[in-house]
Structure formats: structure tokens, C-alpha cells
Amino acid sequence: ERNATGVILFSDPRDVALEGVEPM
């Protein structure tokens, strides 16, 4: 609606990795 040409979506670690982003 605001004439953007495209959208990229990602899941924020703040929402989906609350213990951190390290492998363990």
C-alpha cells in the first residue's frame, strides 16, 4: 500500500531464541 517494491521477513532472536543464539 505504501509502494514498497518487495518484502523480506525474518524471525527475530528476541522473539524466537530467548536463551541466546549459540548452538547449545
PDB file of all heavy atoms in Angstrom:
ATOM      1  N   GLU A   1       0.818  -1.213   0.000  1.00  0.00           N
ATOM      2  CA  GLU A   1       0.000   0.000   0.000  1.00  0.00           C
ATOM      3  C   GLU A   1       0.855   1.268   0.000  1.00  0.00           C
ATOM      4  O   GLU A   1       0.417   2.319  -0.471  1.00  0.00           O
ATOM      5  CB  GLU A   1      -0.923   0.001   1.220  1.00  0.00           C
ATOM      6  CG  GLU A   1      -2.058  -1.000   1.135  1.00  0.00           C
ATOM      7  CD  GLU A   1      -2.868  -1.094   2.408  1.00  0.00           C
ATOM      8  OE1 GLU A   1      -2.399  -0.576   3.450  1.00  0.00           O
ATOM      9  OE2 GLU A   1      -3.972  -1.669   2.382  1.00  0.00           O
ATOM     10  N   ARG A   2       2.075   1.128   0.511  1.00  0.00           N
ATOM     11  CA  ARG A   2       2.988   2.278   0.564  1.00  0.00           C
ATOM     12  C   ARG A   2       4.017   2.245  -0.557  1.00  0.00           C
ATOM     13  O   ARG A   2       5.052   2.891  -0.490  1.00  0.00           O
ATOM     14  CB  ARG A   2       3.640   2.327   1.946  1.00  0.00           C
ATOM     15  CG  ARG A   2       2.620   2.734   3.020  1.00  0.00           C
ATOM     16  CD  ARG A   2       3.041   2.299   4.410  1.00  0.00           C
ATOM     17  NE  ARG A   2       2.021   2.710   5.386  1.00  0.00           N
ATOM     18  CZ  ARG A   2       0.883   2.029   5.619  1.00  0.00           C
ATOM     19  NH1 ARG A   2       0.626   0.916   4.931  1.00  0.00           N
ATOM     20  NH2 ARG A   2       0.010   2.462   6.500  1.00  0.00           N
ATOM     21  N   ASN A   3       3.735   1.415  -1.559  1.00  0.00           N
ATOM     22  CA  ASN A   3       4.526   1.345  -2.789  1.00  0.00           C
ATOM     23  C   ASN A   3       5.952   0.836  -2.578  1.00  0.00           C
ATOM     24  O   ASN A   3       6.861   1.216  -3.313  1.00  0.00           O
ATOM     25  CB  ASN A   3       4.547   2.709  -3.488  1.00  0.00           C
ATOM     26  CG  ASN A   3       3.167   3.144  -3.946  1.00  0.00           C
ATOM     27  OD1 ASN A   3       2.426   2.367  -4.532  1.00  0.00           O
ATOM     28  ND2 ASN A   3       2.807   4.390  -3.654  1.00  0.00           N
ATOM     29  N   ALA A   4       6.137  -0.035  -1.588  1.00  0.00           N
ATOM     30  CA  ALA A   4       7.412  -0.737  -1.470  1.00  0.00           C
ATOM     31  C   ALA A   4       7.532  -1.711  -2.634  1.00  0.00           C
ATOM     32  O   ALA A   4       6.530  -2.137  -3.215  1.00  0.00           O
ATOM     33  CB  ALA A   4       7.501  -1.484  -0.141  1.00  0.00           C
ATOM     34  N   THR A   5       8.752  -2.083  -2.990  1.00  0.00           N
ATOM     35  CA  THR A   5       8.943  -2.964  -4.143  1.00  0.00           C
ATOM     36  C   THR A   5       9.027  -4.436  -3.766  1.00  0.00           C
ATOM     37  O   THR A   5       8.921  -5.308  -4.632  1.00  0.00           O
ATOM     38  CB  THR A   5      10.226  -2.573  -4.898  1.00  0.00           C
ATOM     39  OG1 THR A   5      11.335  -2.645  -4.002  1.00  0.00           O
ATOM     40  CG2 THR A   5      10.113  -1.158  -5.460  1.00  0.00           C
ATOM     41  N   GLY A   6       9.235  -4.731  -2.493  1.00  0.00           N
ATOM     42  CA  GLY A   6       9.334  -6.104  -2.045  1.00  0.00           C
ATOM     43  C   GLY A   6       9.523  -6.149  -0.546  1.00  0.00           C
ATOM     44  O   GLY A   6       9.850  -5.133   0.082  1.00  0.00           O
ATOM     45  N   VAL A   7       9.307  -7.342   0.041  1.00  0.00           N
ATOM     46  CA  VAL A   7       9.390  -7.502   1.493  1.00  0.00           C
ATOM     47  C   VAL A   7      10.278  -8.702   1.830  1.00  0.00           C
ATOM     48  O   VAL A   7      10.180  -9.753   1.193  1.00  0.00           O
ATOM     49  CB  VAL A   7       7.991  -7.713   2.107  1.00  0.00           C
ATOM     50  CG1 VAL A   7       8.091  -7.912   3.620  1.00  0.00           C
ATOM     51  CG2 VAL A   7       7.079  -6.532   1.788  1.00  0.00           C
ATOM     52  N   ILE A   8      11.132  -8.514   2.818  1.00  0.00           N
ATOM     53  CA  ILE A   8      11.924  -9.603   3.393  1.00  0.00           C
ATOM     54  C   ILE A   8      11.460  -9.793   4.828  1.00  0.00           C
ATOM     55  O   ILE A   8      11.330  -8.823   5.580  1.00  0.00           O
ATOM     56  CB  ILE A   8      13.423  -9.272   3.374  1.00  0.00           C
ATOM     57  CG1 ILE A   8      13.907  -9.047   1.938  1.00  0.00           C
ATOM     58  CG2 ILE A   8      14.235 -10.383   4.036  1.00  0.00           C
ATOM     59  CD1 ILE A   8      15.312  -8.465   1.857  1.00  0.00           C
ATOM     60  N   LEU A   9      11.169 -11.033   5.217  1.00  0.00           N
ATOM     61  CA  LEU A   9      10.713 -11.322   6.568  1.00  0.00           C
ATOM     62  C   LEU A   9      11.712 -12.200   7.292  1.00  0.00           C
ATOM     63  O   LEU A   9      12.305 -13.104   6.702  1.00  0.00           O
ATOM     64  CB  LEU A   9       9.360 -12.044   6.532  1.00  0.00           C
ATOM     65  CG  LEU A   9       8.173 -11.270   5.939  1.00  0.00           C
ATOM     66  CD1 LEU A   9       6.937 -12.167   5.909  1.00  0.00           C
ATOM     67  CD2 LEU A   9       7.891 -10.011   6.750  1.00  0.00           C
ATOM     68  N   PHE A  10      11.916 -11.932   8.587  1.00  0.00           N
ATOM     69  CA  PHE A  10      12.802 -12.781   9.388  1.00  0.00           C
ATOM     70  C   PHE A  10      12.244 -12.902  10.798  1.00  0.00           C
ATOM     71  O   PHE A  10      11.485 -12.050  11.262  1.00  0.00           O
ATOM     72  CB  PHE A  10      14.221 -12.212   9.423  1.00  0.00           C
ATOM     73  CG  PHE A  10      14.370 -10.962  10.263  1.00  0.00           C
ATOM     74  CD1 PHE A  10      14.841 -11.041  11.570  1.00  0.00           C
ATOM     75  CD2 PHE A  10      14.054  -9.715   9.754  1.00  0.00           C
ATOM     76  CE1 PHE A  10      14.974  -9.900  12.352  1.00  0.00           C
ATOM     77  CE2 PHE A  10      14.191  -8.561  10.516  1.00  0.00           C
ATOM     78  CZ  PHE A  10      14.657  -8.657  11.830  1.00  0.00           C
ATOM     79  N   SER A  11      12.618 -13.986  11.474  1.00  0.00           N
ATOM     80  CA  SER A  11      12.248 -14.182  12.866  1.00  0.00           C
ATOM     81  C   SER A  11      13.347 -13.607  13.742  1.00  0.00           C
ATOM     82  O   SER A  11      14.516 -13.984  13.617  1.00  0.00           O
ATOM     83  CB  SER A  11      12.054 -15.672  13.163  1.00  0.00           C
ATOM     84  OG  SER A  11      11.010 -16.206  12.380  1.00  0.00           O
ATOM     85  N   ASP A  12      12.987 -12.690  14.624  1.00  0.00           N
ATOM     86  CA  ASP A  12      13.957 -12.010  15.477  1.00  0.00           C
ATOM     87  C   ASP A  12      14.342 -12.919  16.647  1.00  0.00           C
ATOM     88  O   ASP A  12      13.461 -13.495  17.300  1.00  0.00           O
ATOM     89  CB  ASP A  12      13.333 -10.716  16.007  1.00  0.00           C
ATOM     90  CG  ASP A  12      14.352  -9.793  16.651  1.00  0.00           C
ATOM     91  OD1 ASP A  12      15.290 -10.294  17.294  1.00  0.00           O
ATOM     92  OD2 ASP A  12      14.208  -8.574  16.514  1.00  0.00           O
ATOM     93  N   PRO A  13      15.652 -13.082  16.941  1.00  0.00           N
ATOM     94  CA  PRO A  13      16.052 -13.888  18.097  1.00  0.00           C
ATOM     95  C   PRO A  13      15.376 -13.443  19.392  1.00  0.00           C
ATOM     96  O   PRO A  13      15.138 -14.254  20.278  1.00  0.00           O
ATOM     97  CB  PRO A  13      17.569 -13.678  18.162  1.00  0.00           C
ATOM     98  CG  PRO A  13      17.963 -13.315  16.782  1.00  0.00           C
ATOM     99  CD  PRO A  13      16.800 -12.550  16.206  1.00  0.00           C
ATOM    100  N   ARG A  14      15.054 -12.158  19.477  1.00  0.00           N
ATOM    101  CA  ARG A  14      14.366 -11.651  20.664  1.00  0.00           C
ATOM    102  C   ARG A  14      13.013 -12.332  20.861  1.00  0.00           C
ATOM    103  O   ARG A  14      12.502 -12.418  21.983  1.00  0.00           O
ATOM    104  CB  ARG A  14      14.185 -10.137  20.536  1.00  0.00           C
ATOM    105  CG  ARG A  14      13.592  -9.459  21.757  1.00  0.00           C
ATOM    106  CD  ARG A  14      13.559  -7.964  21.565  1.00  0.00           C
ATOM    107  NE  ARG A  14      13.019  -7.279  22.729  1.00  0.00           N
ATOM    108  CZ  ARG A  14      12.922  -5.961  22.831  1.00  0.00           C
ATOM    109  NH1 ARG A  14      13.339  -5.191  21.848  1.00  0.00           N
ATOM    110  NH2 ARG A  14      12.418  -5.403  23.920  1.00  0.00           N
ATOM    111  N   ASP A  15      12.440 -12.824  19.765  1.00  0.00           N
ATOM    112  CA  ASP A  15      11.148 -13.496  19.830  1.00  0.00           C
ATOM    113  C   ASP A  15      11.254 -15.015  19.786  1.00  0.00           C
ATOM    114  O   ASP A  15      10.362 -15.712  20.283  1.00  0.00           O
ATOM    115  CB  ASP A  15      10.263 -13.031  18.669  1.00  0.00           C
ATOM    116  CG  ASP A  15       9.975 -11.540  18.695  1.00  0.00           C
ATOM    117  OD1 ASP A  15       9.717 -11.006  19.795  1.00  0.00           O
ATOM    118  OD2 ASP A  15      10.006 -10.906  17.620  1.00  0.00           O
ATOM    119  N   VAL A  16      12.315 -15.548  19.161  1.00  0.00           N
ATOM    120  CA  VAL A  16      12.355 -16.993  18.897  1.00  0.00           C
ATOM    121  C   VAL A  16      13.589 -17.707  19.440  1.00  0.00           C
ATOM    122  O   VAL A  16      13.723 -18.917  19.296  1.00  0.00           O
ATOM    123  CB  VAL A  16      12.263 -17.264  17.372  1.00  0.00           C
ATOM    124  CG1 VAL A  16      10.941 -16.763  16.823  1.00  0.00           C
ATOM    125  CG2 VAL A  16      13.434 -16.637  16.630  1.00  0.00           C
ATOM    126  N   ALA A  17      14.512 -16.978  20.082  1.00  0.00           N
ATOM    127  CA  ALA A  17      15.725 -17.594  20.652  1.00  0.00           C
ATOM    128  C   ALA A  17      16.046 -16.892  21.969  1.00  0.00           C
ATOM    129  O   ALA A  17      17.077 -16.239  22.106  1.00  0.00           O
ATOM    130  CB  ALA A  17      16.889 -17.506  19.674  1.00  0.00           C
ATOM    131  N   LEU A  18      15.158 -17.036  22.926  1.00  0.00           N
ATOM    132  CA  LEU A  18      15.226 -16.246  24.149  1.00  0.00           C
ATOM    133  C   LEU A  18      16.397 -16.615  25.064  1.00  0.00           C
ATOM    134  O   LEU A  18      16.737 -15.849  25.961  1.00  0.00           O
ATOM    135  CB  LEU A  18      13.911 -16.368  24.924  1.00  0.00           C
ATOM    136  CG  LEU A  18      12.660 -15.861  24.186  1.00  0.00           C
ATOM    137  CD1 LEU A  18      11.463 -15.864  25.115  1.00  0.00           C
ATOM    138  CD2 LEU A  18      12.882 -14.469  23.615  1.00  0.00           C
ATOM    139  N   GLU A  19      17.019 -17.771  24.835  1.00  0.00           N
ATOM    140  CA  GLU A  19      18.159 -18.166  25.659  1.00  0.00           C
ATOM    141  C   GLU A  19      19.491 -17.808  25.004  1.00  0.00           C
ATOM    142  O   GLU A  19      20.546 -18.012  25.598  1.00  0.00           O
ATOM    143  CB  GLU A  19      18.098 -19.672  25.940  1.00  0.00           C
ATOM    144  CG  GLU A  19      16.893 -20.082  26.776  1.00  0.00           C
ATOM    145  CD  GLU A  19      16.820 -21.578  26.988  1.00  0.00           C
ATOM    146  OE1 GLU A  19      17.763 -22.291  26.583  1.00  0.00           O
ATOM    147  OE2 GLU A  19      15.814 -22.049  27.546  1.00  0.00           O
ATOM    148  N   GLY A  20      19.444 -17.272  23.781  1.00  0.00           N
ATOM    149  CA  GLY A  20      20.666 -16.944  23.058  1.00  0.00           C
ATOM    150  C   GLY A  20      20.699 -17.622  21.712  1.00  0.00           C
ATOM    151  O   GLY A  20      19.823 -18.437  21.390  1.00  0.00           O
ATOM    152  N   VAL A  21      21.718 -17.318  20.911  1.00  0.00           N
ATOM    153  CA  VAL A  21      21.782 -17.844  19.543  1.00  0.00           C
ATOM    154  C   VAL A  21      22.954 -18.800  19.332  1.00  0.00           C
ATOM    155  O   VAL A  21      23.207 -19.231  18.210  1.00  0.00           O
ATOM    156  CB  VAL A  21      21.867 -16.685  18.526  1.00  0.00           C
ATOM    157  CG1 VAL A  21      20.615 -15.814  18.608  1.00  0.00           C
ATOM    158  CG2 VAL A  21      23.124 -15.828  18.762  1.00  0.00           C
ATOM    159  N   GLU A  22      23.668 -19.142  20.396  1.00  0.00           N
ATOM    160  CA  GLU A  22      24.756 -20.108  20.262  1.00  0.00           C
ATOM    161  C   GLU A  22      24.190 -21.512  20.031  1.00  0.00           C
ATOM    162  O   GLU A  22      23.038 -21.787  20.398  1.00  0.00           O
ATOM    163  CB  GLU A  22      25.641 -20.087  21.511  1.00  0.00           C
ATOM    164  CG  GLU A  22      26.345 -18.761  21.751  1.00  0.00           C
ATOM    165  CD  GLU A  22      27.239 -18.361  20.594  1.00  0.00           C
ATOM    166  OE1 GLU A  22      27.932 -19.252  20.054  1.00  0.00           O
ATOM    167  OE2 GLU A  22      27.231 -17.183  20.214  1.00  0.00           O
ATOM    168  N   PRO A  23      24.984 -22.420  19.417  1.00  0.00           N
ATOM    169  CA  PRO A  23      24.467 -23.752  19.078  1.00  0.00           C
ATOM    170  C   PRO A  23      23.805 -24.501  20.231  1.00  0.00           C
ATOM    171  O   PRO A  23      22.788 -25.177  20.034  1.00  0.00           O
ATOM    172  CB  PRO A  23      25.721 -24.491  18.583  1.00  0.00           C
ATOM    173  CG  PRO A  23      26.579 -23.399  18.017  1.00  0.00           C
ATOM    174  CD  PRO A  23      26.356 -22.214  18.907  1.00  0.00           C
ATOM    175  N   MET A  24      24.347 -24.391  21.434  1.00  0.00           N
ATOM    176  CA  MET A  24      23.767 -25.120  22.559  1.00  0.00           C
ATOM    177  C   MET A  24      22.489 -24.468  23.084  1.00  0.00           C
ATOM    178  O   MET A  24      21.801 -25.038  23.934  1.00  0.00           O
ATOM    179  CB  MET A  24      24.792 -25.242  23.690  1.00  0.00           C
ATOM    180  CG  MET A  24      25.982 -26.113  23.355  1.00  0.00           C
ATOM    181  SD  MET A  24      25.501 -27.794  22.824  1.00  0.00           S
ATOM    182  CE  MET A  24      24.705 -28.397  24.315  1.00  0.00           C
TER     183      MET A  24
END
